[in-house]
N, C-alpha and C. Protein backbone atom coordinates (compact mmCIF):
# COMPACT_ATOMS: atom_id res chain seq x y z
N UNK A 1 -76.54 23.54 54.45
CA UNK A 1 -75.95 23.00 53.55
C UNK A 1 -75.44 21.03 53.78
N UNK A 2 -75.66 20.98 55.08
CA UNK A 2 -75.47 19.91 55.66
C UNK A 2 -76.69 18.94 56.11
N UNK A 3 -78.06 19.61 55.92
CA UNK A 3 -79.23 18.73 55.94
C UNK A 3 -79.78 18.23 54.74
N UNK A 4 -79.69 17.02 54.67
CA UNK A 4 -79.91 16.46 53.33
C UNK A 4 -81.58 16.40 53.21
N UNK A 5 -82.39 16.92 54.00
CA UNK A 5 -83.61 17.14 53.56
C UNK A 5 -84.21 18.51 53.82
N UNK A 6 -83.15 19.24 53.81
CA UNK A 6 -83.19 20.81 53.76
C UNK A 6 -84.08 21.11 52.34
N UNK A 7 -84.60 22.31 52.23
CA UNK A 7 -85.68 22.43 51.07
C UNK A 7 -84.95 22.82 49.82
N UNK A 8 -83.64 23.09 49.88
CA UNK A 8 -82.96 23.41 48.63
C UNK A 8 -82.43 22.28 47.77
N UNK A 9 -82.69 20.80 48.43
CA UNK A 9 -81.94 19.73 48.00
C UNK A 9 -83.28 18.93 47.38
N UNK A 10 -83.10 18.30 46.16
CA UNK A 10 -84.08 17.27 45.65
C UNK A 10 -83.77 15.83 46.21
N UNK A 11 -84.81 14.98 45.92
CA UNK A 11 -84.67 13.79 46.25
C UNK A 11 -83.32 13.11 45.57
N UNK A 12 -82.88 13.12 44.63
CA UNK A 12 -81.72 12.92 43.95
C UNK A 12 -80.37 13.13 44.41
N UNK A 13 -80.40 14.34 45.17
CA UNK A 13 -79.17 15.08 45.90
C UNK A 13 -79.12 14.57 47.18
N UNK A 14 -80.05 13.93 47.84
CA UNK A 14 -79.78 13.66 49.24
C UNK A 14 -78.70 12.70 49.54
N UNK A 15 -78.79 11.66 48.96
CA UNK A 15 -77.39 10.94 49.12
C UNK A 15 -76.23 11.22 48.77
N UNK A 16 -76.09 12.32 48.14
CA UNK A 16 -74.95 13.04 47.70
C UNK A 16 -74.61 13.98 49.09
N UNK A 17 -75.49 14.87 49.58
CA UNK A 17 -75.44 15.43 50.91
C UNK A 17 -75.00 14.54 51.94
N UNK A 18 -75.53 13.14 52.21
CA UNK A 18 -75.09 12.00 53.04
C UNK A 18 -73.47 11.84 53.10
N UNK A 19 -73.11 11.46 51.86
CA UNK A 19 -71.79 11.05 51.51
C UNK A 19 -71.00 12.65 51.80
N UNK A 20 -71.19 13.61 51.51
CA UNK A 20 -70.43 14.92 51.79
C UNK A 20 -70.36 15.09 53.30
N UNK A 21 -71.33 14.87 54.02
CA UNK A 21 -71.41 15.25 55.26
C UNK A 21 -70.66 13.80 56.18
N UNK A 22 -70.51 12.84 55.48
CA UNK A 22 -69.69 11.76 56.18
C UNK A 22 -68.04 12.05 55.74
N UNK A 23 -67.94 12.78 54.56
CA UNK A 23 -66.61 13.04 54.44
C UNK A 23 -66.27 14.18 55.14
N UNK A 24 -66.72 15.16 55.42
CA UNK A 24 -66.46 16.29 56.60
C UNK A 24 -66.24 15.75 57.84
N UNK A 25 -67.23 14.78 58.46
CA UNK A 25 -66.95 14.37 59.45
C UNK A 25 -65.67 13.46 59.54
N UNK A 26 -65.45 12.72 58.60
CA UNK A 26 -64.10 11.78 58.62
C UNK A 26 -62.84 12.84 58.60
N UNK A 27 -63.16 13.91 57.87
CA UNK A 27 -61.85 14.74 58.01
C UNK A 27 -61.74 15.33 59.10
N UNK A 28 -62.82 15.75 59.92
CA UNK A 28 -62.57 16.41 61.49
C UNK A 28 -62.40 15.32 62.36
N UNK A 29 -62.58 13.94 62.00
CA UNK A 29 -62.14 12.86 63.05
C UNK A 29 -60.50 12.79 62.86
N UNK A 30 -60.17 12.80 61.56
CA UNK A 30 -58.71 12.65 61.04
C UNK A 30 -57.53 13.70 61.69
N UNK A 31 -58.38 14.89 61.66
CA UNK A 31 -57.68 16.07 62.36
C UNK A 31 -57.53 15.87 63.77
N UNK A 32 -58.68 15.53 64.30
CA UNK A 32 -58.83 15.44 65.83
C UNK A 32 -57.79 14.19 66.14
N UNK A 33 -57.44 13.21 65.42
CA UNK A 33 -56.67 12.07 65.66
C UNK A 33 -55.06 12.65 65.52
N UNK A 34 -55.12 13.41 64.34
CA UNK A 34 -53.68 14.15 64.28
C UNK A 34 -53.33 15.06 65.43
N UNK A 35 -54.19 15.62 66.05
CA UNK A 35 -53.79 16.82 67.20
C UNK A 35 -53.61 15.82 68.37
N UNK A 36 -54.31 14.58 68.36
CA UNK A 36 -53.61 13.73 69.55
C UNK A 36 -52.52 13.16 69.29
N UNK A 37 -51.85 12.98 68.13
CA UNK A 37 -50.59 12.19 67.87
C UNK A 37 -49.53 13.49 67.94
N UNK A 38 -49.59 14.47 67.35
CA UNK A 38 -48.76 15.69 66.89
C UNK A 38 -48.75 16.56 67.93
N UNK A 39 -49.92 17.02 68.31
CA UNK A 39 -50.56 18.25 69.21
C UNK A 39 -50.90 19.40 68.42
N UNK A 40 -51.81 20.13 69.00
CA UNK A 40 -52.61 21.07 68.33
C UNK A 40 -51.57 22.14 67.70
N UNK A 41 -50.45 22.80 68.21
CA UNK A 41 -49.74 23.30 67.53
C UNK A 41 -48.99 23.03 66.17
N UNK A 42 -48.65 21.86 66.26
CA UNK A 42 -48.17 21.07 64.95
C UNK A 42 -49.28 21.21 63.95
N UNK A 43 -50.42 20.89 64.55
CA UNK A 43 -51.49 20.55 63.31
C UNK A 43 -51.90 22.11 62.67
N UNK A 44 -51.87 23.19 63.73
CA UNK A 44 -52.12 24.49 63.14
C UNK A 44 -50.97 24.91 62.18
N UNK A 45 -49.92 24.50 62.53
CA UNK A 45 -48.71 25.13 61.44
C UNK A 45 -48.72 24.26 60.45
N UNK A 46 -48.89 23.28 60.30
CA UNK A 46 -48.82 22.29 59.07
C UNK A 46 -50.07 22.20 58.35
N UNK A 47 -51.02 22.39 59.14
CA UNK A 47 -52.56 22.28 58.17
C UNK A 47 -53.00 23.57 58.07
N UNK A 48 -53.09 24.24 59.24
CA UNK A 48 -54.24 25.43 59.49
C UNK A 48 -53.55 26.57 58.60
N UNK A 49 -52.12 26.75 58.86
CA UNK A 49 -51.39 27.96 58.15
C UNK A 49 -51.46 28.03 56.60
N UNK A 50 -51.45 26.78 55.94
CA UNK A 50 -51.46 26.50 54.62
C UNK A 50 -53.11 26.51 54.12
N UNK A 51 -53.84 26.28 55.03
CA UNK A 51 -55.19 26.42 54.72
C UNK A 51 -55.83 27.80 54.63
N UNK A 52 -55.22 28.58 55.65
CA UNK A 52 -55.43 29.89 55.72
C UNK A 52 -54.87 30.63 54.19
N UNK A 53 -53.82 30.29 53.97
CA UNK A 53 -52.92 31.00 52.85
C UNK A 53 -53.92 30.67 51.63
N UNK A 54 -53.95 29.21 51.23
CA UNK A 54 -55.17 29.06 50.06
C UNK A 54 -56.37 29.52 50.20
N UNK A 55 -56.96 29.59 51.28
CA UNK A 55 -58.39 30.34 51.41
C UNK A 55 -58.09 32.04 51.09
N UNK A 56 -57.31 32.48 51.30
CA UNK A 56 -57.01 33.80 51.22
C UNK A 56 -56.77 34.03 49.45
N UNK A 57 -56.19 33.17 49.14
CA UNK A 57 -56.07 33.28 47.53
C UNK A 57 -57.33 33.09 47.03
N UNK A 58 -58.13 31.99 47.43
CA UNK A 58 -59.43 31.61 46.68
C UNK A 58 -60.46 33.16 46.68
N UNK A 59 -60.34 33.51 48.09
CA UNK A 59 -61.34 34.67 48.43
C UNK A 59 -60.92 35.90 47.68
N UNK A 60 -59.40 36.05 47.49
CA UNK A 60 -59.13 37.28 46.63
C UNK A 60 -59.37 37.22 45.11
N UNK A 61 -59.37 36.02 44.82
CA UNK A 61 -59.38 35.67 43.29
C UNK A 61 -61.09 35.93 42.89
N UNK A 62 -61.72 35.35 43.78
CA UNK A 62 -63.31 35.25 43.48
C UNK A 62 -63.80 36.66 43.68
N UNK A 63 -63.12 37.46 44.86
CA UNK A 63 -63.65 38.75 44.93
C UNK A 63 -63.42 39.60 43.78
N UNK A 64 -61.96 39.61 43.09
CA UNK A 64 -61.89 40.41 41.97
C UNK A 64 -62.55 39.94 40.75
N UNK A 65 -62.92 38.58 40.46
CA UNK A 65 -63.59 38.24 39.54
C UNK A 65 -65.07 38.59 39.35
N UNK A 66 -65.39 38.98 40.50
CA UNK A 66 -66.93 39.31 40.58
C UNK A 66 -67.27 40.33 40.91
N UNK A 67 -66.28 41.46 41.07
CA UNK A 67 -66.40 42.75 41.80
C UNK A 67 -65.63 43.67 41.15
N UNK A 68 -66.38 44.59 40.39
CA UNK A 68 -65.69 45.54 39.53
C UNK A 68 -66.57 46.68 39.19
N UNK A 69 -65.91 47.84 39.44
CA UNK A 69 -66.78 49.23 39.03
C UNK A 69 -67.79 48.92 37.68
N UNK A 70 -67.17 48.34 36.49
CA UNK A 70 -67.95 48.14 35.30
C UNK A 70 -69.05 47.04 35.16
N UNK A 71 -68.89 46.40 36.22
CA UNK A 71 -70.05 44.88 36.16
C UNK A 71 -71.38 45.46 36.68
N UNK A 72 -72.26 45.15 35.97
CA UNK A 72 -73.92 45.06 36.34
C UNK A 72 -74.08 44.10 37.25
N UNK A 73 -74.98 44.54 38.18
CA UNK A 73 -75.67 43.79 38.94
C UNK A 73 -77.20 43.73 38.67
N UNK A 74 -77.84 42.79 38.19
CA UNK A 74 -79.23 42.65 38.03
C UNK A 74 -80.42 42.40 38.94
N UNK A 75 -81.42 42.98 39.42
CA UNK A 75 -82.53 42.31 39.99
C UNK A 75 -82.92 41.26 39.49
N UNK A 76 -84.20 40.73 40.21
CA UNK A 76 -84.74 39.48 39.63
C UNK A 76 -85.55 39.62 38.28
N UNK A 77 -86.09 40.86 38.20
CA UNK A 77 -86.78 41.15 37.01
C UNK A 77 -85.91 41.13 35.73
N UNK A 78 -84.46 41.49 35.79
CA UNK A 78 -83.89 41.49 34.73
C UNK A 78 -82.45 40.36 34.64
N UNK A 79 -82.44 39.70 35.65
CA UNK A 79 -81.35 38.66 35.73
C UNK A 79 -82.02 37.50 34.86
N UNK A 80 -80.97 36.97 33.98
CA UNK A 80 -80.86 35.67 33.25
C UNK A 80 -79.59 35.15 33.42
N UNK A 81 -79.67 33.66 32.77
CA UNK A 81 -78.19 33.16 33.12
C UNK A 81 -77.02 33.72 32.35
N UNK A 82 -77.45 34.14 30.96
CA UNK A 82 -76.46 34.86 30.42
C UNK A 82 -75.93 36.12 30.75
N UNK A 83 -76.72 36.95 31.30
CA UNK A 83 -76.12 38.05 31.97
C UNK A 83 -75.35 38.02 33.16
N UNK A 84 -75.87 37.01 33.95
CA UNK A 84 -74.98 36.68 34.83
C UNK A 84 -73.61 35.97 34.58
N UNK A 85 -73.77 35.32 33.59
CA UNK A 85 -72.35 34.56 33.30
C UNK A 85 -71.44 35.49 32.79
N UNK A 86 -72.00 36.74 32.05
CA UNK A 86 -71.15 37.82 31.80
C UNK A 86 -70.80 38.97 32.58
N UNK A 87 -71.28 38.68 33.74
CA UNK A 87 -71.15 39.62 34.87
C UNK A 87 -69.75 39.14 35.92
N UNK A 88 -68.56 38.84 35.15
CA UNK A 88 -67.32 38.45 35.73
C UNK A 88 -66.42 39.34 34.60
N UNK A 89 -65.11 39.48 35.46
CA UNK A 89 -64.14 39.92 34.70
C UNK A 89 -62.77 38.88 35.01
N UNK A 90 -62.14 39.02 33.58
CA UNK A 90 -60.71 38.33 33.73
C UNK A 90 -59.60 39.29 34.08
N UNK A 91 -58.75 38.60 34.67
CA UNK A 91 -57.40 39.32 34.91
C UNK A 91 -56.09 38.71 35.29
N UNK A 92 -55.12 39.22 34.86
CA UNK A 92 -53.99 38.29 35.05
C UNK A 92 -53.26 38.29 36.39
N UNK A 93 -52.78 37.21 36.79
CA UNK A 93 -52.00 37.23 38.02
C UNK A 93 -50.74 36.88 37.70
N UNK A 94 -50.04 37.18 36.21
CA UNK A 94 -48.64 36.88 35.69
C UNK A 94 -48.64 35.47 36.02
N UNK A 95 -47.43 35.18 36.65
CA UNK A 95 -47.02 33.55 36.69
C UNK A 95 -47.99 32.41 37.30
N UNK A 96 -48.72 33.16 38.24
CA UNK A 96 -49.72 32.39 38.91
C UNK A 96 -50.86 31.98 38.08
N UNK A 97 -51.06 32.76 36.94
CA UNK A 97 -52.18 32.39 35.79
C UNK A 97 -52.02 30.57 35.63
N UNK A 98 -50.96 30.28 35.32
CA UNK A 98 -50.45 28.96 35.02
C UNK A 98 -50.61 27.99 36.38
N UNK A 99 -50.42 28.54 37.40
CA UNK A 99 -50.46 27.83 38.82
C UNK A 99 -51.92 27.30 38.97
N UNK A 100 -52.81 28.56 38.66
CA UNK A 100 -54.18 28.32 38.92
C UNK A 100 -55.06 27.78 37.83
N UNK A 101 -54.05 27.32 36.85
CA UNK A 101 -54.89 26.61 35.65
C UNK A 101 -55.81 27.65 34.85
N UNK A 102 -55.47 28.88 34.82
CA UNK A 102 -55.83 29.78 33.98
C UNK A 102 -57.13 30.36 34.66
N UNK A 103 -57.68 29.93 35.57
CA UNK A 103 -59.07 30.26 35.89
C UNK A 103 -59.14 31.82 36.23
N UNK A 104 -57.85 32.57 36.42
CA UNK A 104 -58.15 33.93 36.56
C UNK A 104 -58.12 34.78 35.27
N UNK A 105 -57.51 33.97 34.21
CA UNK A 105 -57.15 35.06 33.09
C UNK A 105 -58.29 34.52 31.86
N UNK A 106 -59.32 33.23 32.54
CA UNK A 106 -60.21 32.83 31.43
C UNK A 106 -61.61 32.68 31.98
N UNK A 107 -61.84 33.39 33.29
CA UNK A 107 -63.06 33.25 34.20
C UNK A 107 -64.28 33.62 33.10
N UNK A 108 -64.25 34.40 32.35
CA UNK A 108 -65.58 34.62 31.37
C UNK A 108 -65.88 33.51 30.71
N UNK A 109 -64.77 32.76 30.11
CA UNK A 109 -65.10 31.52 29.34
C UNK A 109 -65.62 30.42 30.22
N UNK A 110 -65.11 30.31 31.57
CA UNK A 110 -65.44 29.34 32.44
C UNK A 110 -67.02 29.51 32.72
N UNK A 111 -67.37 30.73 32.97
CA UNK A 111 -69.04 31.18 33.28
C UNK A 111 -69.67 30.67 32.01
N UNK A 112 -69.33 30.91 30.88
CA UNK A 112 -70.06 30.61 29.68
C UNK A 112 -70.27 29.08 29.43
N UNK A 113 -68.97 28.34 29.97
CA UNK A 113 -68.73 26.90 29.59
C UNK A 113 -68.35 26.24 30.71
N UNK A 114 -69.12 26.03 31.68
CA UNK A 114 -68.46 25.64 33.16
C UNK A 114 -67.77 24.27 33.23
N UNK A 115 -68.46 23.52 32.10
CA UNK A 115 -68.01 22.11 32.53
C UNK A 115 -66.68 21.73 31.34
N UNK A 116 -66.18 22.94 30.67
CA UNK A 116 -65.12 22.72 29.94
C UNK A 116 -63.95 22.31 30.70
N UNK A 117 -63.24 21.76 30.34
CA UNK A 117 -61.87 21.24 30.93
C UNK A 117 -60.74 22.73 30.89
N UNK A 118 -60.06 22.61 31.91
CA UNK A 118 -59.31 24.13 32.10
C UNK A 118 -58.49 24.39 30.68
N UNK A 119 -57.72 23.16 30.48
CA UNK A 119 -56.95 23.26 29.50
C UNK A 119 -57.35 23.64 28.18
N UNK A 120 -58.78 23.95 28.04
CA UNK A 120 -59.46 24.44 26.73
C UNK A 120 -59.91 26.06 26.83
N UNK A 121 -59.40 26.33 28.17
CA UNK A 121 -60.04 27.69 28.41
C UNK A 121 -59.28 28.78 27.75
N UNK A 122 -57.98 28.61 27.60
CA UNK A 122 -57.42 29.71 26.82
C UNK A 122 -57.66 29.84 25.20
N UNK A 123 -57.87 28.73 24.70
CA UNK A 123 -58.38 28.63 23.37
C UNK A 123 -59.86 29.06 23.41
N UNK A 124 -60.71 28.94 24.21
CA UNK A 124 -62.12 29.22 24.15
C UNK A 124 -62.07 30.86 24.44
N UNK A 125 -61.31 31.41 25.44
CA UNK A 125 -61.36 32.65 25.64
C UNK A 125 -60.85 33.50 24.42
N UNK A 126 -59.97 32.93 23.66
CA UNK A 126 -59.45 33.66 22.37
C UNK A 126 -60.60 33.79 21.51
N UNK A 127 -61.46 32.77 21.36
CA UNK A 127 -62.23 32.57 20.56
C UNK A 127 -63.87 33.35 20.72
N UNK A 128 -64.07 33.43 22.06
CA UNK A 128 -65.32 34.37 22.32
C UNK A 128 -64.69 35.98 22.51
N UNK A 129 -63.32 36.24 22.59
CA UNK A 129 -63.47 37.85 22.61
C UNK A 129 -63.90 38.46 21.67
N UNK A 130 -63.55 38.11 20.15
CA UNK A 130 -64.32 38.97 19.36
C UNK A 130 -65.87 38.72 19.20
N UNK A 131 -66.11 37.54 19.50
CA UNK A 131 -67.75 37.62 19.55
C UNK A 131 -68.75 38.44 20.65
N UNK A 132 -67.91 38.31 21.82
CA UNK A 132 -68.61 39.22 22.84
C UNK A 132 -68.18 40.54 22.93
N UNK A 133 -67.05 41.12 22.14
CA UNK A 133 -66.79 42.55 21.94
C UNK A 133 -66.99 43.10 23.24
N UNK A 134 -67.56 44.35 23.24
CA UNK A 134 -67.37 45.25 24.67
C UNK A 134 -68.01 44.42 25.68
N UNK A 135 -68.91 43.25 25.61
CA UNK A 135 -69.28 42.43 26.61
C UNK A 135 -67.94 41.67 27.36
N UNK A 136 -67.09 41.55 26.88
CA UNK A 136 -65.85 40.62 27.27
C UNK A 136 -65.28 41.66 28.32
N UNK A 137 -65.05 41.30 29.50
CA UNK A 137 -64.27 42.15 30.33
C UNK A 137 -63.01 41.93 30.83
N UNK A 138 -61.77 42.51 30.76
CA UNK A 138 -60.48 42.19 31.18
C UNK A 138 -60.14 43.48 31.88
N UNK A 139 -59.43 43.05 33.07
CA UNK A 139 -58.82 44.53 33.98
C UNK A 139 -57.27 44.03 33.96
N UNK A 140 -56.37 44.80 33.43
CA UNK A 140 -55.10 44.96 33.66
C UNK A 140 -54.75 45.79 34.81
N UNK A 141 -55.56 46.03 35.66
CA UNK A 141 -55.04 46.59 37.02
C UNK A 141 -54.30 45.53 37.98
N UNK A 142 -52.98 46.06 38.40
CA UNK A 142 -52.30 45.08 39.44
C UNK A 142 -53.34 44.74 40.43
N UNK A 143 -52.86 43.64 40.82
CA UNK A 143 -54.09 42.92 41.81
C UNK A 143 -54.03 43.90 43.05
N UNK A 144 -52.91 44.30 43.65
CA UNK A 144 -53.14 45.18 44.82
C UNK A 144 -53.85 46.53 44.32
N UNK A 145 -53.55 47.19 43.45
CA UNK A 145 -54.26 48.19 43.10
C UNK A 145 -55.82 47.89 42.86
N UNK A 146 -56.11 46.76 42.32
CA UNK A 146 -57.56 46.39 41.86
C UNK A 146 -58.20 46.23 43.49
N UNK A 147 -57.70 45.69 44.22
CA UNK A 147 -58.07 45.28 45.81
C UNK A 147 -58.58 46.40 46.47
N UNK A 148 -57.59 47.39 46.23
CA UNK A 148 -57.79 48.66 47.02
C UNK A 148 -58.97 49.59 46.32
N UNK A 149 -59.14 49.19 45.14
CA UNK A 149 -60.10 50.27 44.14
C UNK A 149 -61.39 49.46 44.57
N UNK A 150 -61.43 48.28 44.32
CA UNK A 150 -62.93 47.64 44.53
C UNK A 150 -63.26 47.77 46.02
N UNK A 151 -62.36 47.63 46.95
CA UNK A 151 -62.94 47.86 48.29
C UNK A 151 -63.17 49.23 48.74
N UNK A 152 -62.82 50.14 48.19
CA UNK A 152 -62.79 51.73 48.14
C UNK A 152 -64.27 51.99 47.51
N UNK A 153 -64.52 51.70 46.17
CA UNK A 153 -65.51 51.78 45.19
C UNK A 153 -66.84 51.16 45.16
N UNK A 154 -66.65 49.67 45.31
CA UNK A 154 -67.76 48.95 45.17
C UNK A 154 -68.17 48.59 46.54
N UNK A 155 -68.79 49.39 47.08
CA UNK A 155 -69.52 49.58 48.47
C UNK A 155 -70.58 48.93 48.59
N UNK A 156 -71.65 49.10 47.92
CA UNK A 156 -72.91 48.60 48.02
C UNK A 156 -73.64 49.11 46.57
N UNK A 157 -74.79 48.12 46.33
CA UNK A 157 -75.21 48.33 45.07
C UNK A 157 -76.99 49.00 45.20
N UNK A 158 -77.19 49.96 44.29
CA UNK A 158 -78.47 50.50 44.20
C UNK A 158 -78.95 50.65 42.74
N UNK A 159 -80.24 50.79 42.65
CA UNK A 159 -80.67 50.88 41.07
C UNK A 159 -80.31 52.10 40.69
N UNK A 160 -80.07 51.86 39.34
CA UNK A 160 -79.69 53.00 38.60
C UNK A 160 -80.75 53.80 38.47
N UNK A 161 -80.81 55.15 38.71
CA UNK A 161 -82.02 56.08 38.49
C UNK A 161 -82.33 56.27 37.19
N UNK A 162 -81.34 56.13 36.30
CA UNK A 162 -81.52 56.58 35.12
C UNK A 162 -81.79 55.51 33.97
N UNK A 163 -82.12 54.38 34.71
CA UNK A 163 -82.16 52.81 34.01
C UNK A 163 -83.54 52.34 34.53
N UNK A 164 -84.57 52.44 33.77
CA UNK A 164 -85.78 51.82 34.42
C UNK A 164 -85.97 50.26 34.21
N UNK A 165 -84.80 49.54 33.51
CA UNK A 165 -85.02 47.96 33.52
C UNK A 165 -84.47 47.41 34.53
N UNK A 166 -84.14 47.96 35.80
CA UNK A 166 -83.83 47.43 36.90
C UNK A 166 -82.26 46.97 37.02
N UNK A 167 -81.55 47.59 36.20
CA UNK A 167 -80.06 47.07 36.44
C UNK A 167 -79.51 47.87 37.76
N UNK A 168 -78.69 47.33 38.10
CA UNK A 168 -77.96 47.82 39.29
C UNK A 168 -76.55 48.07 39.16
N UNK A 169 -75.99 49.25 39.68
CA UNK A 169 -74.53 49.58 39.57
C UNK A 169 -73.76 49.66 40.87
N UNK A 170 -72.78 49.53 40.68
CA UNK A 170 -71.95 49.90 41.97
C UNK A 170 -71.99 51.43 42.28
N UNK A 171 -72.12 51.66 43.57
CA UNK A 171 -71.97 53.21 44.20
C UNK A 171 -70.77 53.67 44.33
N UNK A 172 -70.47 54.63 44.11
CA UNK A 172 -69.02 55.20 44.78
C UNK A 172 -69.47 56.12 45.83
N UNK A 173 -68.77 55.97 46.88
CA UNK A 173 -68.99 56.95 48.18
C UNK A 173 -68.22 58.04 48.00
């Protein structure tokens, strides 16, 4: 992701990779200077601790949005953009929904309309629910129970023996 000449980037994207690399180096340099001025322990407490908390939230939210026993996984012969967009689940985090700009309880709409501003996501979700019907996924399971269930039940993916189309489903151990 840091090599502007890597095979995943087009010529149009190379300048953006250079700018991104410069930003990463500037951030590291700033942290280095902060360590020199305040000390490593201070930087770890003031910067490292909050970074870990925020990343833990992001990982938890992303994991629960894309991991659920009812979500199908497709092999390359079956996957398309629309199926991929619907392979996610909305869930409520209570008061945190507002803190996270409703990305937690409007994630299906976000997948379908990724450039839509977050302040329109609630209205879009209300509009797409009746259109999607059973294809709309919402899980009311409390977060701590959902984390346990997904960690326990969504272990690996294997082909569904009853489906010749190539759809993969989570396997319960």
